[in-house]
Amino acid sequence: MLSSIRTFFNTHLSRPGERAPEAAEQAVRRAAAALLLEMTHMEEAPETIERDTVMALVRECFGMTYSQAEALLGCADAERKAATDYFQFTSLINEHYGPEDKVRLVAALWQVAYADARLGRHEEYLVRKLSELLHVPQDVFIHAKLQAEQAAAAGGG
């Protein structure tokens, strides 16, 4: 019993720098996945295509099987629902992701936002807010948006 409690604290409640490398990597993946999932909840009626886009992005970015990605998204969604703000996710990402990784995450957020070929105002607000929290420069934010918009218009989005 004591061992399982210690494992829980070390995995979920320790500071990121104190975690084992594998646990930290999984925590960062859950954080990124939670932000992608949050994008699917920005519209009143989330579309299946947005959730499918998140699944495809997680599988591609993290090299996961469908069942691995499904498990990660389940954990990430639980953390997303329990969160009171985005700080727990963005601080972890800021600590472990380099600038290129953050840009890829912002581009992925835009892909989810444009998955249904339209951009809602809440979706744009969320990407802007997360980009600021991740310290992604404005010009990079705009470039990623334009790329996702063009891909959606071309039917690849």
N, C-alpha and C. Protein backbone atom coordinates (compact mmCIF):
# COMPACT_ATOMS: atom_id res chain seq x y z
N MET A 1 0.82 -1.20 0.00
CA MET A 1 0.00 0.00 0.00
C MET A 1 0.86 1.25 0.00
N LEU A 2 1.84 1.30 0.88
CA LEU A 2 2.73 2.45 0.95
C LEU A 2 3.48 2.64 -0.36
N SER A 3 3.85 1.55 -0.98
CA SER A 3 4.56 1.60 -2.25
C SER A 3 3.69 2.22 -3.34
N SER A 4 2.43 1.84 -3.39
CA SER A 4 1.56 2.39 -4.42
C SER A 4 1.30 3.88 -4.20
N ILE A 5 1.20 4.30 -2.95
CA ILE A 5 1.04 5.73 -2.65
C ILE A 5 2.28 6.50 -3.06
N ARG A 6 3.46 5.96 -2.74
CA ARG A 6 4.72 6.61 -3.11
C ARG A 6 4.82 6.72 -4.64
N THR A 7 4.45 5.66 -5.35
CA THR A 7 4.48 5.68 -6.82
C THR A 7 3.56 6.76 -7.36
N PHE A 8 2.35 6.86 -6.80
CA PHE A 8 1.42 7.88 -7.24
C PHE A 8 2.01 9.28 -7.05
N PHE A 9 2.56 9.55 -5.87
CA PHE A 9 3.14 10.86 -5.61
C PHE A 9 4.32 11.14 -6.52
N ASN A 10 5.17 10.16 -6.73
CA ASN A 10 6.33 10.37 -7.59
C ASN A 10 5.93 10.58 -9.04
N THR A 11 4.86 9.92 -9.46
CA THR A 11 4.43 10.04 -10.85
C THR A 11 3.62 11.29 -11.11
N HIS A 12 2.71 11.60 -10.20
CA HIS A 12 1.75 12.66 -10.49
C HIS A 12 1.97 13.97 -9.74
N LEU A 13 2.59 13.92 -8.59
CA LEU A 13 2.66 15.12 -7.78
C LEU A 13 4.06 15.68 -7.58
N SER A 14 5.07 14.95 -7.96
CA SER A 14 6.43 15.49 -7.82
C SER A 14 6.67 16.55 -8.88
N ARG A 15 7.62 17.38 -8.63
CA ARG A 15 7.97 18.40 -9.62
C ARG A 15 8.57 17.70 -10.83
N PRO A 16 8.39 18.25 -12.03
CA PRO A 16 8.86 17.58 -13.23
C PRO A 16 10.34 17.19 -13.20
N GLY A 17 11.20 18.03 -12.65
CA GLY A 17 12.62 17.73 -12.59
C GLY A 17 12.96 16.58 -11.68
N GLU A 18 12.05 16.25 -10.76
CA GLU A 18 12.29 15.18 -9.81
C GLU A 18 11.77 13.84 -10.32
N ARG A 19 11.06 13.81 -11.42
CA ARG A 19 10.49 12.59 -11.96
C ARG A 19 11.54 11.80 -12.71
N ALA A 20 11.32 10.51 -12.79
CA ALA A 20 12.15 9.67 -13.65
C ALA A 20 11.95 10.14 -15.08
N PRO A 21 12.98 10.02 -15.92
CA PRO A 21 12.86 10.51 -17.30
C PRO A 21 11.63 9.97 -18.04
N GLU A 22 11.31 8.68 -17.86
CA GLU A 22 10.15 8.11 -18.56
C GLU A 22 8.85 8.74 -18.06
N ALA A 23 8.77 8.93 -16.74
CA ALA A 23 7.57 9.53 -16.17
C ALA A 23 7.42 10.98 -16.63
N ALA A 24 8.52 11.71 -16.69
CA ALA A 24 8.48 13.10 -17.15
C ALA A 24 8.04 13.15 -18.61
N GLU A 25 8.56 12.23 -19.43
CA GLU A 25 8.19 12.21 -20.84
C GLU A 25 6.70 11.91 -20.99
N GLN A 26 6.19 10.97 -20.22
CA GLN A 26 4.76 10.65 -20.28
C GLN A 26 3.92 11.83 -19.79
N ALA A 27 4.38 12.52 -18.77
CA ALA A 27 3.65 13.68 -18.25
C ALA A 27 3.59 14.79 -19.30
N VAL A 28 4.68 15.01 -20.01
CA VAL A 28 4.70 16.04 -21.05
C VAL A 28 3.78 15.64 -22.20
N ARG A 29 3.79 14.37 -22.55
CA ARG A 29 2.89 13.90 -23.61
C ARG A 29 1.43 14.08 -23.20
N ARG A 30 1.12 13.76 -21.94
CA ARG A 30 -0.25 13.96 -21.46
C ARG A 30 -0.62 15.44 -21.49
N ALA A 31 0.33 16.30 -21.13
CA ALA A 31 0.06 17.75 -21.14
C ALA A 31 -0.25 18.23 -22.55
N ALA A 32 0.56 17.82 -23.52
CA ALA A 32 0.33 18.22 -24.91
C ALA A 32 -1.01 17.67 -25.40
N ALA A 33 -1.28 16.41 -25.09
CA ALA A 33 -2.54 15.79 -25.50
C ALA A 33 -3.73 16.49 -24.84
N ALA A 34 -3.59 16.89 -23.58
CA ALA A 34 -4.67 17.59 -22.89
C ALA A 34 -5.00 18.91 -23.58
N LEU A 35 -3.97 19.62 -24.03
CA LEU A 35 -4.20 20.89 -24.72
C LEU A 35 -4.88 20.66 -26.07
N LEU A 36 -4.46 19.60 -26.77
CA LEU A 36 -5.11 19.27 -28.04
C LEU A 36 -6.57 18.90 -27.80
N LEU A 37 -6.83 18.14 -26.75
CA LEU A 37 -8.22 17.78 -26.44
C LEU A 37 -9.05 18.99 -26.04
N GLU A 38 -8.42 19.92 -25.34
CA GLU A 38 -9.13 21.14 -24.95
C GLU A 38 -9.64 21.87 -26.19
N MET A 39 -8.88 21.83 -27.25
CA MET A 39 -9.29 22.47 -28.50
C MET A 39 -10.60 21.86 -29.02
N THR A 40 -10.79 20.57 -28.82
CA THR A 40 -12.02 19.93 -29.31
C THR A 40 -13.25 20.36 -28.51
N HIS A 41 -13.05 20.98 -27.37
CA HIS A 41 -14.16 21.41 -26.53
C HIS A 41 -14.46 22.90 -26.64
N MET A 42 -13.89 23.56 -27.63
CA MET A 42 -14.09 25.00 -27.78
C MET A 42 -15.38 25.33 -28.51
N GLU A 43 -15.99 24.36 -29.15
CA GLU A 43 -17.26 24.59 -29.81
C GLU A 43 -18.37 23.98 -28.96
N GLU A 44 -19.58 24.48 -29.14
CA GLU A 44 -20.70 23.96 -28.37
C GLU A 44 -20.94 22.49 -28.66
N ALA A 45 -20.80 22.10 -29.91
CA ALA A 45 -20.99 20.71 -30.31
C ALA A 45 -19.71 20.21 -30.96
N PRO A 46 -18.82 19.61 -30.18
CA PRO A 46 -17.56 19.12 -30.75
C PRO A 46 -17.82 18.13 -31.89
N GLU A 47 -17.00 18.22 -32.89
CA GLU A 47 -17.14 17.37 -34.06
C GLU A 47 -16.23 16.15 -33.92
N THR A 48 -16.68 15.04 -34.44
CA THR A 48 -15.90 13.81 -34.41
C THR A 48 -14.58 13.99 -35.15
N ILE A 49 -14.60 14.77 -36.22
CA ILE A 49 -13.38 14.96 -37.00
C ILE A 49 -12.27 15.61 -36.17
N GLU A 50 -12.64 16.46 -35.24
CA GLU A 50 -11.63 17.09 -34.39
C GLU A 50 -10.99 16.06 -33.47
N ARG A 51 -11.80 15.21 -32.87
CA ARG A 51 -11.26 14.15 -31.99
C ARG A 51 -10.40 13.18 -32.82
N ASP A 52 -10.84 12.86 -34.02
CA ASP A 52 -10.06 11.99 -34.90
C ASP A 52 -8.73 12.63 -35.27
N THR A 53 -8.74 13.94 -35.47
CA THR A 53 -7.52 14.67 -35.79
C THR A 53 -6.55 14.61 -34.61
N VAL A 54 -7.06 14.78 -33.40
CA VAL A 54 -6.21 14.68 -32.21
C VAL A 54 -5.60 13.28 -32.13
N MET A 55 -6.41 12.25 -32.36
CA MET A 55 -5.90 10.87 -32.31
C MET A 55 -4.78 10.69 -33.34
N ALA A 56 -4.99 11.16 -34.55
CA ALA A 56 -3.98 11.02 -35.60
C ALA A 56 -2.70 11.78 -35.25
N LEU A 57 -2.85 12.99 -34.71
CA LEU A 57 -1.68 13.78 -34.33
C LEU A 57 -0.89 13.12 -33.21
N VAL A 58 -1.58 12.60 -32.21
CA VAL A 58 -0.91 11.94 -31.09
C VAL A 58 -0.17 10.70 -31.58
N ARG A 59 -0.82 9.92 -32.43
CA ARG A 59 -0.18 8.71 -32.96
C ARG A 59 1.05 9.06 -33.78
N GLU A 60 0.92 10.08 -34.62
CA GLU A 60 2.03 10.49 -35.49
C GLU A 60 3.17 11.12 -34.70
N CYS A 61 2.86 12.07 -33.84
CA CYS A 61 3.89 12.81 -33.11
C CYS A 61 4.64 11.95 -32.10
N PHE A 62 3.93 11.03 -31.47
CA PHE A 62 4.55 10.23 -30.42
C PHE A 62 4.85 8.80 -30.86
N GLY A 63 4.56 8.46 -32.11
CA GLY A 63 4.84 7.12 -32.63
C GLY A 63 4.11 6.03 -31.86
N MET A 64 2.82 6.22 -31.63
CA MET A 64 2.05 5.29 -30.81
C MET A 64 1.08 4.47 -31.66
N THR A 65 0.74 3.31 -31.14
CA THR A 65 -0.32 2.52 -31.74
C THR A 65 -1.65 3.17 -31.36
N TYR A 66 -2.71 2.69 -31.98
CA TYR A 66 -4.03 3.24 -31.67
C TYR A 66 -4.36 3.04 -30.19
N SER A 67 -4.12 1.84 -29.67
CA SER A 67 -4.48 1.58 -28.26
C SER A 67 -3.61 2.39 -27.30
N GLN A 68 -2.34 2.60 -27.63
CA GLN A 68 -1.48 3.43 -26.78
C GLN A 68 -1.97 4.88 -26.78
N ALA A 69 -2.31 5.37 -27.96
CA ALA A 69 -2.81 6.74 -28.08
C ALA A 69 -4.14 6.89 -27.35
N GLU A 70 -4.99 5.89 -27.45
CA GLU A 70 -6.28 5.93 -26.78
C GLU A 70 -6.10 5.99 -25.26
N ALA A 71 -5.15 5.22 -24.75
CA ALA A 71 -4.87 5.24 -23.31
C ALA A 71 -4.32 6.60 -22.88
N LEU A 72 -3.38 7.14 -23.66
CA LEU A 72 -2.82 8.46 -23.36
C LEU A 72 -3.92 9.52 -23.37
N LEU A 73 -4.78 9.49 -24.37
CA LEU A 73 -5.85 10.49 -24.46
C LEU A 73 -6.85 10.34 -23.32
N GLY A 74 -7.08 9.12 -22.87
CA GLY A 74 -7.96 8.92 -21.73
C GLY A 74 -7.41 9.58 -20.48
N CYS A 75 -6.12 9.37 -20.23
CA CYS A 75 -5.47 10.00 -19.07
C CYS A 75 -5.43 11.52 -19.23
N ALA A 76 -5.09 11.97 -20.43
CA ALA A 76 -5.00 13.40 -20.69
C ALA A 76 -6.35 14.08 -20.52
N ASP A 77 -7.41 13.41 -20.96
CA ASP A 77 -8.73 13.99 -20.83
C ASP A 77 -9.15 14.10 -19.37
N ALA A 78 -8.81 13.10 -18.58
CA ALA A 78 -9.11 13.17 -17.14
C ALA A 78 -8.36 14.33 -16.49
N GLU A 79 -7.09 14.52 -16.85
CA GLU A 79 -6.32 15.64 -16.31
C GLU A 79 -6.89 16.97 -16.79
N ARG A 80 -7.31 17.01 -18.05
CA ARG A 80 -7.89 18.23 -18.61
C ARG A 80 -9.15 18.61 -17.85
N LYS A 81 -9.99 17.64 -17.57
CA LYS A 81 -11.24 17.90 -16.85
C LYS A 81 -10.99 18.36 -15.42
N ALA A 82 -9.95 17.85 -14.80
CA ALA A 82 -9.65 18.18 -13.40
C ALA A 82 -8.88 19.50 -13.27
N ALA A 83 -8.31 19.99 -14.35
CA ALA A 83 -7.49 21.20 -14.30
C ALA A 83 -8.34 22.45 -14.08
N THR A 84 -7.75 23.40 -13.38
CA THR A 84 -8.44 24.68 -13.17
C THR A 84 -7.93 25.75 -14.13
N ASP A 85 -6.76 25.51 -14.72
CA ASP A 85 -6.21 26.43 -15.70
C ASP A 85 -5.23 25.66 -16.59
N TYR A 86 -4.58 26.37 -17.49
CA TYR A 86 -3.66 25.73 -18.43
C TYR A 86 -2.22 25.67 -17.91
N PHE A 87 -1.96 26.32 -16.79
CA PHE A 87 -0.59 26.43 -16.28
C PHE A 87 0.05 25.08 -16.03
N GLN A 88 -0.68 24.13 -15.46
CA GLN A 88 -0.07 22.83 -15.17
C GLN A 88 0.42 22.16 -16.45
N PHE A 89 -0.22 22.44 -17.57
CA PHE A 89 0.19 21.86 -18.84
C PHE A 89 1.30 22.67 -19.50
N THR A 90 1.10 23.99 -19.58
CA THR A 90 2.08 24.81 -20.28
C THR A 90 3.40 24.91 -19.54
N SER A 91 3.37 24.89 -18.21
CA SER A 91 4.64 24.96 -17.47
C SER A 91 5.46 23.70 -17.70
N LEU A 92 4.81 22.57 -17.74
CA LEU A 92 5.48 21.31 -18.00
C LEU A 92 6.07 21.29 -19.41
N ILE A 93 5.30 21.76 -20.36
CA ILE A 93 5.76 21.82 -21.75
C ILE A 93 6.92 22.80 -21.87
N ASN A 94 6.80 23.96 -21.23
CA ASN A 94 7.89 24.94 -21.28
C ASN A 94 9.19 24.38 -20.71
N GLU A 95 9.06 23.55 -19.70
CA GLU A 95 10.25 22.98 -19.06
C GLU A 95 10.93 21.92 -19.93
N HIS A 96 10.14 21.20 -20.72
CA HIS A 96 10.69 20.05 -21.45
C HIS A 96 10.75 20.20 -22.96
N TYR A 97 10.01 21.13 -23.53
CA TYR A 97 10.01 21.30 -24.98
C TYR A 97 10.92 22.45 -25.38
N GLY A 98 11.61 22.25 -26.47
CA GLY A 98 12.39 23.33 -27.07
C GLY A 98 11.49 24.17 -27.95
N PRO A 99 12.03 25.26 -28.50
CA PRO A 99 11.21 26.14 -29.34
C PRO A 99 10.57 25.43 -30.53
N GLU A 100 11.29 24.51 -31.17
CA GLU A 100 10.74 23.80 -32.34
C GLU A 100 9.57 22.92 -31.94
N ASP A 101 9.68 22.26 -30.79
CA ASP A 101 8.59 21.41 -30.32
C ASP A 101 7.35 22.23 -30.00
N LYS A 102 7.57 23.41 -29.42
CA LYS A 102 6.43 24.28 -29.09
C LYS A 102 5.74 24.75 -30.37
N VAL A 103 6.53 25.06 -31.38
CA VAL A 103 5.96 25.49 -32.67
C VAL A 103 5.14 24.36 -33.27
N ARG A 104 5.66 23.12 -33.19
CA ARG A 104 4.92 21.97 -33.71
C ARG A 104 3.60 21.78 -32.94
N LEU A 105 3.64 22.03 -31.64
CA LEU A 105 2.41 21.90 -30.85
C LEU A 105 1.40 22.96 -31.26
N VAL A 106 1.85 24.18 -31.44
CA VAL A 106 0.94 25.25 -31.88
C VAL A 106 0.38 24.93 -33.26
N ALA A 107 1.21 24.41 -34.15
CA ALA A 107 0.72 24.01 -35.48
C ALA A 107 -0.32 22.89 -35.35
N ALA A 108 -0.10 21.97 -34.44
CA ALA A 108 -1.06 20.89 -34.21
C ALA A 108 -2.38 21.44 -33.66
N LEU A 109 -2.28 22.42 -32.77
CA LEU A 109 -3.50 23.06 -32.24
C LEU A 109 -4.30 23.70 -33.38
N TRP A 110 -3.59 24.35 -34.29
CA TRP A 110 -4.27 24.95 -35.44
C TRP A 110 -4.91 23.87 -36.31
N GLN A 111 -4.23 22.73 -36.48
CA GLN A 111 -4.80 21.64 -37.28
C GLN A 111 -6.12 21.17 -36.68
N VAL A 112 -6.16 21.04 -35.37
CA VAL A 112 -7.39 20.62 -34.71
C VAL A 112 -8.46 21.70 -34.88
N ALA A 113 -8.07 22.95 -34.73
CA ALA A 113 -9.03 24.05 -34.86
C ALA A 113 -9.66 24.08 -36.26
N TYR A 114 -8.86 23.78 -37.28
CA TYR A 114 -9.35 23.82 -38.66
C TYR A 114 -9.79 22.45 -39.17
N ALA A 115 -9.85 21.45 -38.33
CA ALA A 115 -10.21 20.10 -38.77
C ALA A 115 -11.59 20.07 -39.43
N ASP A 116 -12.50 20.90 -38.93
CA ASP A 116 -13.85 20.95 -39.51
C ASP A 116 -13.96 22.04 -40.58
N ALA A 117 -12.82 22.54 -41.05
CA ALA A 117 -12.72 23.52 -42.13
C ALA A 117 -13.29 24.89 -41.77
N ARG A 118 -13.46 25.15 -40.49
CA ARG A 118 -13.89 26.50 -40.07
C ARG A 118 -13.24 26.79 -38.71
N LEU A 119 -13.06 28.05 -38.45
CA LEU A 119 -12.41 28.46 -37.23
C LEU A 119 -13.39 29.25 -36.36
N GLY A 120 -13.65 28.71 -35.19
CA GLY A 120 -14.52 29.40 -34.24
C GLY A 120 -13.72 30.42 -33.45
N ARG A 121 -14.38 31.44 -32.95
CA ARG A 121 -13.66 32.49 -32.22
C ARG A 121 -13.04 31.96 -30.93
N HIS A 122 -13.67 30.98 -30.30
CA HIS A 122 -13.11 30.40 -29.08
C HIS A 122 -11.87 29.57 -29.39
N GLU A 123 -11.88 28.94 -30.56
CA GLU A 123 -10.71 28.17 -30.98
C GLU A 123 -9.51 29.09 -31.20
N GLU A 124 -9.75 30.18 -31.91
CA GLU A 124 -8.66 31.12 -32.14
C GLU A 124 -8.14 31.71 -30.83
N TYR A 125 -9.05 32.03 -29.92
CA TYR A 125 -8.66 32.56 -28.63
C TYR A 125 -7.76 31.57 -27.89
N LEU A 126 -8.15 30.29 -27.89
CA LEU A 126 -7.38 29.29 -27.16
C LEU A 126 -5.98 29.13 -27.74
N VAL A 127 -5.86 29.06 -29.06
CA VAL A 127 -4.53 28.92 -29.65
C VAL A 127 -3.67 30.14 -29.33
N ARG A 128 -4.28 31.31 -29.41
CA ARG A 128 -3.53 32.54 -29.08
C ARG A 128 -3.06 32.52 -27.63
N LYS A 129 -3.94 32.18 -26.72
CA LYS A 129 -3.60 32.14 -25.30
C LYS A 129 -2.49 31.11 -25.03
N LEU A 130 -2.64 29.92 -25.58
CA LEU A 130 -1.63 28.88 -25.36
C LEU A 130 -0.30 29.26 -26.00
N SER A 131 -0.34 29.89 -27.15
CA SER A 131 0.90 30.34 -27.80
C SER A 131 1.64 31.34 -26.92
N GLU A 132 0.89 32.23 -26.30
CA GLU A 132 1.50 33.20 -25.40
C GLU A 132 2.09 32.50 -24.18
N LEU A 133 1.35 31.55 -23.60
CA LEU A 133 1.84 30.82 -22.43
C LEU A 133 3.06 29.96 -22.76
N LEU A 134 3.16 29.54 -24.02
CA LEU A 134 4.30 28.72 -24.45
C LEU A 134 5.44 29.58 -25.02
N HIS A 135 5.26 30.88 -25.00
CA HIS A 135 6.29 31.82 -25.46
C HIS A 135 6.64 31.63 -26.94
N VAL A 136 5.61 31.36 -27.74
CA VAL A 136 5.78 31.22 -29.18
C VAL A 136 5.62 32.62 -29.78
N PRO A 137 6.61 33.06 -30.55
CA PRO A 137 6.54 34.42 -31.13
C PRO A 137 5.30 34.61 -32.01
N GLN A 138 4.80 35.83 -32.04
CA GLN A 138 3.59 36.18 -32.79
C GLN A 138 3.71 35.83 -34.27
N ASP A 139 4.86 36.11 -34.89
CA ASP A 139 4.99 35.82 -36.32
C ASP A 139 4.94 34.31 -36.59
N VAL A 140 5.45 33.52 -35.70
CA VAL A 140 5.40 32.06 -35.84
C VAL A 140 3.96 31.57 -35.65
N PHE A 141 3.27 32.16 -34.69
CA PHE A 141 1.86 31.86 -34.43
C PHE A 141 1.03 32.12 -35.69
N ILE A 142 1.23 33.27 -36.30
CA ILE A 142 0.49 33.65 -37.51
C ILE A 142 0.84 32.73 -38.67
N HIS A 143 2.11 32.42 -38.85
CA HIS A 143 2.54 31.54 -39.93
C HIS A 143 1.89 30.16 -39.80
N ALA A 144 1.87 29.62 -38.60
CA ALA A 144 1.25 28.31 -38.37
C ALA A 144 -0.25 28.37 -38.65
N LYS A 145 -0.89 29.48 -38.29
CA LYS A 145 -2.32 29.64 -38.56
C LYS A 145 -2.58 29.65 -40.06
N LEU A 146 -1.79 30.42 -40.79
CA LEU A 146 -1.99 30.51 -42.23
C LEU A 146 -1.78 29.16 -42.91
N GLN A 147 -0.79 28.41 -42.48
CA GLN A 147 -0.56 27.08 -43.05
C GLN A 147 -1.76 26.16 -42.81
N ALA A 148 -2.27 26.16 -41.59
CA ALA A 148 -3.42 25.31 -41.27
C ALA A 148 -4.66 25.76 -42.05
N GLU A 149 -4.84 27.07 -42.18
CA GLU A 149 -5.97 27.61 -42.94
C GLU A 149 -5.90 27.20 -44.40
N GLN A 150 -4.70 27.30 -44.98
CA GLN A 150 -4.51 26.89 -46.38
C GLN A 150 -4.73 25.39 -46.56
N ALA A 151 -4.25 24.60 -45.63
CA ALA A 151 -4.46 23.14 -45.71
C ALA A 151 -5.94 22.80 -45.63
N ALA A 152 -6.66 23.49 -44.75
CA ALA A 152 -8.11 23.25 -44.61
C ALA A 152 -8.84 23.65 -45.88
N ALA A 153 -8.46 24.79 -46.45
CA ALA A 153 -9.10 25.26 -47.67
C ALA A 153 -8.83 24.31 -48.85
N ALA A 154 -7.67 23.68 -48.83
CA ALA A 154 -7.30 22.75 -49.90
C ALA A 154 -7.90 21.35 -49.67
N GLY A 155 -8.58 21.20 -48.52
CA GLY A 155 -9.20 19.91 -48.23
C GLY A 155 -8.28 18.95 -47.51
N GLY A 156 -7.11 19.43 -47.07
CA GLY A 156 -6.17 18.56 -46.38
C GLY A 156 -6.18 18.77 -44.89
N GLY A 157 -7.19 19.49 -44.39
CA GLY A 157 -7.15 19.90 -43.06
C GLY A 157 -7.87 19.26 -42.01
